[in-house]
Amino acid sequence: METGEEIPIEATAIAMLPHSEQWVQIELPEKLTAGKYLAVAILDAGSQYDLKIAEKEITY
């Protein structure tokens, strides 16, 4: 958040079921240093559905 640098990670495909809850764990790059980050997730379920976006501030 302090520099505005984007650090993309590999997209992860998940199976979706109605009314379900899922936890997804991802590997973060080793180059991360202590600081504040903003994680952004985008859920794209296809052209028939609206995109869903989630943001989470993380202090590392």
PDB file of N, CA and C in Angstrom:
ATOM      1  N   MET A   1       0.813  -1.182   0.000  1.00  0.00           N
ATOM      2  CA  MET A   1       0.000   0.000   0.000  1.00  0.00           C
ATOM      3  C   MET A   1       0.863   1.255   0.000  1.00  0.00           C
ATOM      4  N   GLU A   2       2.064   1.152   0.557  1.00  0.00           N
ATOM      5  CA  GLU A   2       2.917   2.331   0.684  1.00  0.00           C
ATOM      6  C   GLU A   2       3.521   2.751  -0.653  1.00  0.00           C
ATOM      7  N   THR A   3       3.816   1.789  -1.537  1.00  0.00           N
ATOM      8  CA  THR A   3       4.456   2.122  -2.811  1.00  0.00           C
ATOM      9  C   THR A   3       3.499   2.043  -3.994  1.00  0.00           C
ATOM     10  N   GLY A   4       2.389   1.364  -3.847  1.00  0.00           N
ATOM     11  CA  GLY A   4       1.463   1.180  -4.957  1.00  0.00           C
ATOM     12  C   GLY A   4       1.879   0.085  -5.922  1.00  0.00           C
ATOM     13  N   GLU A   5       2.975  -0.611  -5.607  1.00  0.00           N
ATOM     14  CA  GLU A   5       3.453  -1.692  -6.474  1.00  0.00           C
ATOM     15  C   GLU A   5       2.448  -2.844  -6.478  1.00  0.00           C
ATOM     16  N   GLU A   6       2.193  -3.388  -7.651  1.00  0.00           N
ATOM     17  CA  GLU A   6       1.324  -4.553  -7.769  1.00  0.00           C
ATOM     18  C   GLU A   6       2.184  -5.809  -7.820  1.00  0.00           C
ATOM     19  N   ILE A   7       1.787  -6.812  -7.056  1.00  0.00           N
ATOM     20  CA  ILE A   7       2.489  -8.090  -7.038  1.00  0.00           C
ATOM     21  C   ILE A   7       1.473  -9.162  -7.419  1.00  0.00           C
ATOM     22  N   PRO A   8       1.363  -9.466  -8.720  1.00  0.00           N
ATOM     23  CA  PRO A   8       0.362 -10.447  -9.146  1.00  0.00           C
ATOM     24  C   PRO A   8       0.742 -11.854  -8.705  1.00  0.00           C
ATOM     25  N   ILE A   9      -0.269 -12.645  -8.413  1.00  0.00           N
ATOM     26  CA  ILE A   9      -0.064 -14.061  -8.091  1.00  0.00           C
ATOM     27  C   ILE A   9      -0.882 -14.883  -9.072  1.00  0.00           C
ATOM     28  N   GLU A  10      -0.586 -16.155  -9.147  1.00  0.00           N
ATOM     29  CA  GLU A  10      -1.259 -17.037 -10.096  1.00  0.00           C
ATOM     30  C   GLU A  10      -2.725 -17.215  -9.708  1.00  0.00           C
ATOM     31  N   ALA A  11      -3.608 -17.168 -10.690  1.00  0.00           N
ATOM     32  CA  ALA A  11      -5.039 -17.369 -10.445  1.00  0.00           C
ATOM     33  C   ALA A  11      -5.288 -18.788  -9.969  1.00  0.00           C
ATOM     34  N   THR A  12      -6.265 -18.950  -9.087  1.00  0.00           N
ATOM     35  CA  THR A  12      -6.616 -20.251  -8.548  1.00  0.00           C
ATOM     36  C   THR A  12      -8.065 -20.563  -8.888  1.00  0.00           C
ATOM     37  N   ALA A  13      -8.301 -21.658  -9.570  1.00  0.00           N
ATOM     38  CA  ALA A  13      -9.670 -22.068  -9.900  1.00  0.00           C
ATOM     39  C   ALA A  13     -10.259 -22.824  -8.719  1.00  0.00           C
ATOM     40  N   ILE A  14     -11.524 -22.532  -8.400  1.00  0.00           N
ATOM     41  CA  ILE A  14     -12.209 -23.243  -7.322  1.00  0.00           C
ATOM     42  C   ILE A  14     -13.571 -23.713  -7.825  1.00  0.00           C
ATOM     43  N   ALA A  15     -14.082 -24.792  -7.224  1.00  0.00           N
ATOM     44  CA  ALA A  15     -15.431 -25.270  -7.535  1.00  0.00           C
ATOM     45  C   ALA A  15     -16.416 -24.492  -6.670  1.00  0.00           C
ATOM     46  N   MET A  16     -17.535 -24.116  -7.249  1.00  0.00           N
ATOM     47  CA  MET A  16     -18.518 -23.323  -6.519  1.00  0.00           C
ATOM     48  C   MET A  16     -19.828 -24.090  -6.398  1.00  0.00           C
ATOM     49  N   LEU A  17     -20.390 -24.094  -5.207  1.00  0.00           N
ATOM     50  CA  LEU A  17     -21.689 -24.694  -4.964  1.00  0.00           C
ATOM     51  C   LEU A  17     -22.570 -23.657  -4.274  1.00  0.00           C
ATOM     52  N   PRO A  18     -23.874 -23.676  -4.516  1.00  0.00           N
ATOM     53  CA  PRO A  18     -24.750 -22.704  -3.856  1.00  0.00           C
ATOM     54  C   PRO A  18     -24.654 -22.786  -2.332  1.00  0.00           C
ATOM     55  N   HIS A  19     -24.611 -21.641  -1.681  1.00  0.00           N
ATOM     56  CA  HIS A  19     -24.598 -21.509  -0.217  1.00  0.00           C
ATOM     57  C   HIS A  19     -23.390 -22.183   0.441  1.00  0.00           C
ATOM     58  N   SER A  20     -22.305 -22.347  -0.297  1.00  0.00           N
ATOM     59  CA  SER A  20     -21.123 -22.987   0.281  1.00  0.00           C
ATOM     60  C   SER A  20     -20.108 -21.932   0.702  1.00  0.00           C
ATOM     61  N   GLU A  21     -19.179 -22.339   1.528  1.00  0.00           N
ATOM     62  CA  GLU A  21     -18.085 -21.477   1.976  1.00  0.00           C
ATOM     63  C   GLU A  21     -16.789 -22.217   1.707  1.00  0.00           C
ATOM     64  N   GLN A  22     -15.797 -21.497   1.170  1.00  0.00           N
ATOM     65  CA  GLN A  22     -14.519 -22.135   0.863  1.00  0.00           C
ATOM     66  C   GLN A  22     -13.373 -21.283   1.376  1.00  0.00           C
ATOM     67  N   TRP A  23     -12.328 -21.922   1.806  1.00  0.00           N
ATOM     68  CA  TRP A  23     -11.084 -21.266   2.201  1.00  0.00           C
ATOM     69  C   TRP A  23     -10.043 -21.623   1.149  1.00  0.00           C
ATOM     70  N   VAL A  24      -9.348 -20.628   0.648  1.00  0.00           N
ATOM     71  CA  VAL A  24      -8.334 -20.846  -0.377  1.00  0.00           C
ATOM     72  C   VAL A  24      -7.000 -20.353   0.170  1.00  0.00           C
ATOM     73  N   GLN A  25      -5.997 -21.210   0.161  1.00  0.00           N
ATOM     74  CA  GLN A  25      -4.660 -20.821   0.603  1.00  0.00           C
ATOM     75  C   GLN A  25      -3.779 -20.663  -0.629  1.00  0.00           C
ATOM     76  N   ILE A  26      -2.978 -19.603  -0.636  1.00  0.00           N
ATOM     77  CA  ILE A  26      -2.104 -19.332  -1.770  1.00  0.00           C
ATOM     78  C   ILE A  26      -0.680 -19.129  -1.281  1.00  0.00           C
ATOM     79  N   GLU A  27       0.271 -19.376  -2.164  1.00  0.00           N
ATOM     80  CA  GLU A  27       1.682 -19.136  -1.872  1.00  0.00           C
ATOM     81  C   GLU A  27       1.999 -17.692  -2.234  1.00  0.00           C
ATOM     82  N   LEU A  28       2.556 -16.938  -1.298  1.00  0.00           N
ATOM     83  CA  LEU A  28       2.944 -15.558  -1.565  1.00  0.00           C
ATOM     84  C   LEU A  28       4.410 -15.507  -1.981  1.00  0.00           C
ATOM     85  N   PRO A  29       4.780 -14.518  -2.778  1.00  0.00           N
ATOM     86  CA  PRO A  29       6.176 -14.391  -3.196  1.00  0.00           C
ATOM     87  C   PRO A  29       7.102 -14.188  -1.989  1.00  0.00           C
ATOM     88  N   GLU A  30       8.292 -14.763  -2.059  1.00  0.00           N
ATOM     89  CA  GLU A  30       9.250 -14.651  -0.960  1.00  0.00           C
ATOM     90  C   GLU A  30       9.805 -13.245  -0.808  1.00  0.00           C
ATOM     91  N   LYS A  31       9.668 -12.411  -1.849  1.00  0.00           N
ATOM     92  CA  LYS A  31      10.254 -11.075  -1.807  1.00  0.00           C
ATOM     93  C   LYS A  31       9.466 -10.085  -0.950  1.00  0.00           C
ATOM     94  N   LEU A  32       8.341 -10.503  -0.376  1.00  0.00           N
ATOM     95  CA  LEU A  32       7.560  -9.585   0.448  1.00  0.00           C
ATOM     96  C   LEU A  32       8.355  -9.159   1.680  1.00  0.00           C
ATOM     97  N   THR A  33       8.275  -7.886   1.993  1.00  0.00           N
ATOM     98  CA  THR A  33       8.921  -7.366   3.187  1.00  0.00           C
ATOM     99  C   THR A  33       7.838  -6.894   4.150  1.00  0.00           C
ATOM    100  N   ALA A  34       8.212  -6.589   5.377  1.00  0.00           N
ATOM    101  CA  ALA A  34       7.248  -6.109   6.363  1.00  0.00           C
ATOM    102  C   ALA A  34       6.587  -4.838   5.851  1.00  0.00           C
ATOM    103  N   GLY A  35       5.296  -4.711   6.092  1.00  0.00           N
ATOM    104  CA  GLY A  35       4.580  -3.521   5.666  1.00  0.00           C
ATOM    105  C   GLY A  35       3.089  -3.785   5.556  1.00  0.00           C
ATOM    106  N   LYS A  36       2.375  -2.823   4.995  1.00  0.00           N
ATOM    107  CA  LYS A  36       0.931  -2.939   4.808  1.00  0.00           C
ATOM    108  C   LYS A  36       0.643  -3.279   3.345  1.00  0.00           C
ATOM    109  N   TYR A  37      -0.247  -4.230   3.154  1.00  0.00           N
ATOM    110  CA  TYR A  37      -0.626  -4.688   1.822  1.00  0.00           C
ATOM    111  C   TYR A  37      -2.139  -4.667   1.683  1.00  0.00           C
ATOM    112  N   LEU A  38      -2.596  -4.554   0.455  1.00  0.00           N
ATOM    113  CA  LEU A  38      -4.014  -4.657   0.143  1.00  0.00           C
ATOM    114  C   LEU A  38      -4.189  -5.852  -0.778  1.00  0.00           C
ATOM    115  N   ALA A  39      -4.853  -6.887  -0.280  1.00  0.00           N
ATOM    116  CA  ALA A  39      -5.135  -8.071  -1.096  1.00  0.00           C
ATOM    117  C   ALA A  39      -6.471  -7.860  -1.789  1.00  0.00           C
ATOM    118  N   VAL A  40      -6.511  -8.152  -3.079  1.00  0.00           N
ATOM    119  CA  VAL A  40      -7.732  -7.998  -3.860  1.00  0.00           C
ATOM    120  C   VAL A  40      -8.024  -9.330  -4.539  1.00  0.00           C
ATOM    121  N   ALA A  41      -9.252  -9.810  -4.390  1.00  0.00           N
ATOM    122  CA  ALA A  41      -9.675 -11.055  -5.034  1.00  0.00           C
ATOM    123  C   ALA A  41     -10.839 -10.744  -5.959  1.00  0.00           C
ATOM    124  N   ILE A  42     -10.832 -11.372  -7.120  1.00  0.00           N
ATOM    125  CA  ILE A  42     -11.905 -11.196  -8.090  1.00  0.00           C
ATOM    126  C   ILE A  42     -12.489 -12.573  -8.399  1.00  0.00           C
ATOM    127  N   LEU A  43     -13.802 -12.688  -8.258  1.00  0.00           N
ATOM    128  CA  LEU A  43     -14.492 -13.923  -8.572  1.00  0.00           C
ATOM    129  C   LEU A  43     -15.227 -13.736  -9.891  1.00  0.00           C
ATOM    130  N   ASP A  44     -14.832 -14.507 -10.886  1.00  0.00           N
ATOM    131  CA  ASP A  44     -15.454 -14.448 -12.213  1.00  0.00           C
ATOM    132  C   ASP A  44     -16.128 -15.791 -12.460  1.00  0.00           C
ATOM    133  N   ALA A  45     -17.457 -15.817 -12.380  1.00  0.00           N
ATOM    134  CA  ALA A  45     -18.214 -17.054 -12.540  1.00  0.00           C
ATOM    135  C   ALA A  45     -18.789 -17.201 -13.947  1.00  0.00           C
ATOM    136  N   GLY A  46     -18.297 -16.405 -14.859  1.00  0.00           N
ATOM    137  CA  GLY A  46     -18.767 -16.509 -16.238  1.00  0.00           C
ATOM    138  C   GLY A  46     -19.592 -15.308 -16.653  1.00  0.00           C
ATOM    139  N   SER A  47     -19.914 -15.261 -17.925  1.00  0.00           N
ATOM    140  CA  SER A  47     -20.585 -14.093 -18.488  1.00  0.00           C
ATOM    141  C   SER A  47     -22.019 -13.913 -17.998  1.00  0.00           C
ATOM    142  N   GLN A  48     -22.611 -14.933 -17.426  1.00  0.00           N
ATOM    143  CA  GLN A  48     -23.985 -14.830 -16.936  1.00  0.00           C
ATOM    144  C   GLN A  48     -24.070 -14.185 -15.550  1.00  0.00           C
ATOM    145  N   TYR A  49     -22.930 -13.960 -14.901  1.00  0.00           N
ATOM    146  CA  TYR A  49     -22.916 -13.464 -13.526  1.00  0.00           C
ATOM    147  C   TYR A  49     -22.081 -12.190 -13.424  1.00  0.00           C
ATOM    148  N   ASP A  50     -22.399 -11.359 -12.450  1.00  0.00           N
ATOM    149  CA  ASP A  50     -21.609 -10.165 -12.173  1.00  0.00           C
ATOM    150  C   ASP A  50     -20.291 -10.561 -11.524  1.00  0.00           C
ATOM    151  N   LEU A  51     -19.230  -9.780 -11.778  1.00  0.00           N
ATOM    152  CA  LEU A  51     -17.966  -9.993 -11.083  1.00  0.00           C
ATOM    153  C   LEU A  51     -18.138  -9.658  -9.609  1.00  0.00           C
ATOM    154  N   LYS A  52     -17.496 -10.411  -8.740  1.00  0.00           N
ATOM    155  CA  LYS A  52     -17.485 -10.137  -7.304  1.00  0.00           C
ATOM    156  C   LYS A  52     -16.054  -9.782  -6.922  1.00  0.00           C
ATOM    157  N   ILE A  53     -15.893  -8.729  -6.147  1.00  0.00           N
ATOM    158  CA  ILE A  53     -14.565  -8.269  -5.765  1.00  0.00           C
ATOM    159  C   ILE A  53     -14.508  -8.144  -4.248  1.00  0.00           C
ATOM    160  N   ALA A  54     -13.398  -8.613  -3.665  1.00  0.00           N
ATOM    161  CA  ALA A  54     -13.184  -8.494  -2.225  1.00  0.00           C
ATOM    162  C   ALA A  54     -11.811  -7.873  -1.986  1.00  0.00           C
ATOM    163  N   GLU A  55     -11.706  -7.032  -0.964  1.00  0.00           N
ATOM    164  CA  GLU A  55     -10.437  -6.421  -0.582  1.00  0.00           C
ATOM    165  C   GLU A  55     -10.185  -6.669   0.901  1.00  0.00           C
ATOM    166  N   LYS A  56      -8.926  -6.854   1.263  1.00  0.00           N
ATOM    167  CA  LYS A  56      -8.543  -7.070   2.654  1.00  0.00           C
ATOM    168  C   LYS A  56      -7.196  -6.400   2.902  1.00  0.00           C
ATOM    169  N   GLU A  57      -7.136  -5.519   3.896  1.00  0.00           N
ATOM    170  CA  GLU A  57      -5.858  -4.908   4.288  1.00  0.00           C
ATOM    171  C   GLU A  57      -5.108  -5.885   5.189  1.00  0.00           C
ATOM    172  N   ILE A  58      -3.815  -6.046   4.902  1.00  0.00           N
ATOM    173  CA  ILE A  58      -2.986  -6.990   5.644  1.00  0.00           C
ATOM    174  C   ILE A  58      -1.737  -6.276   6.133  1.00  0.00           C
ATOM    175  N   THR A  59      -1.417  -6.425   7.410  1.00  0.00           N
ATOM    176  CA  THR A  59      -0.149  -5.939   7.951  1.00  0.00           C
ATOM    177  C   THR A  59       0.744  -7.152   8.132  1.00  0.00           C
ATOM    178  N   TYR A  60       1.908  -7.125   7.464  1.00  0.00           N
ATOM    179  CA  TYR A  60       2.795  -8.281   7.434  1.00  0.00           C
ATOM    180  C   TYR A  60       4.070  -7.972   8.158  1.00  0.00           C
TER     181      TYR A  60
END
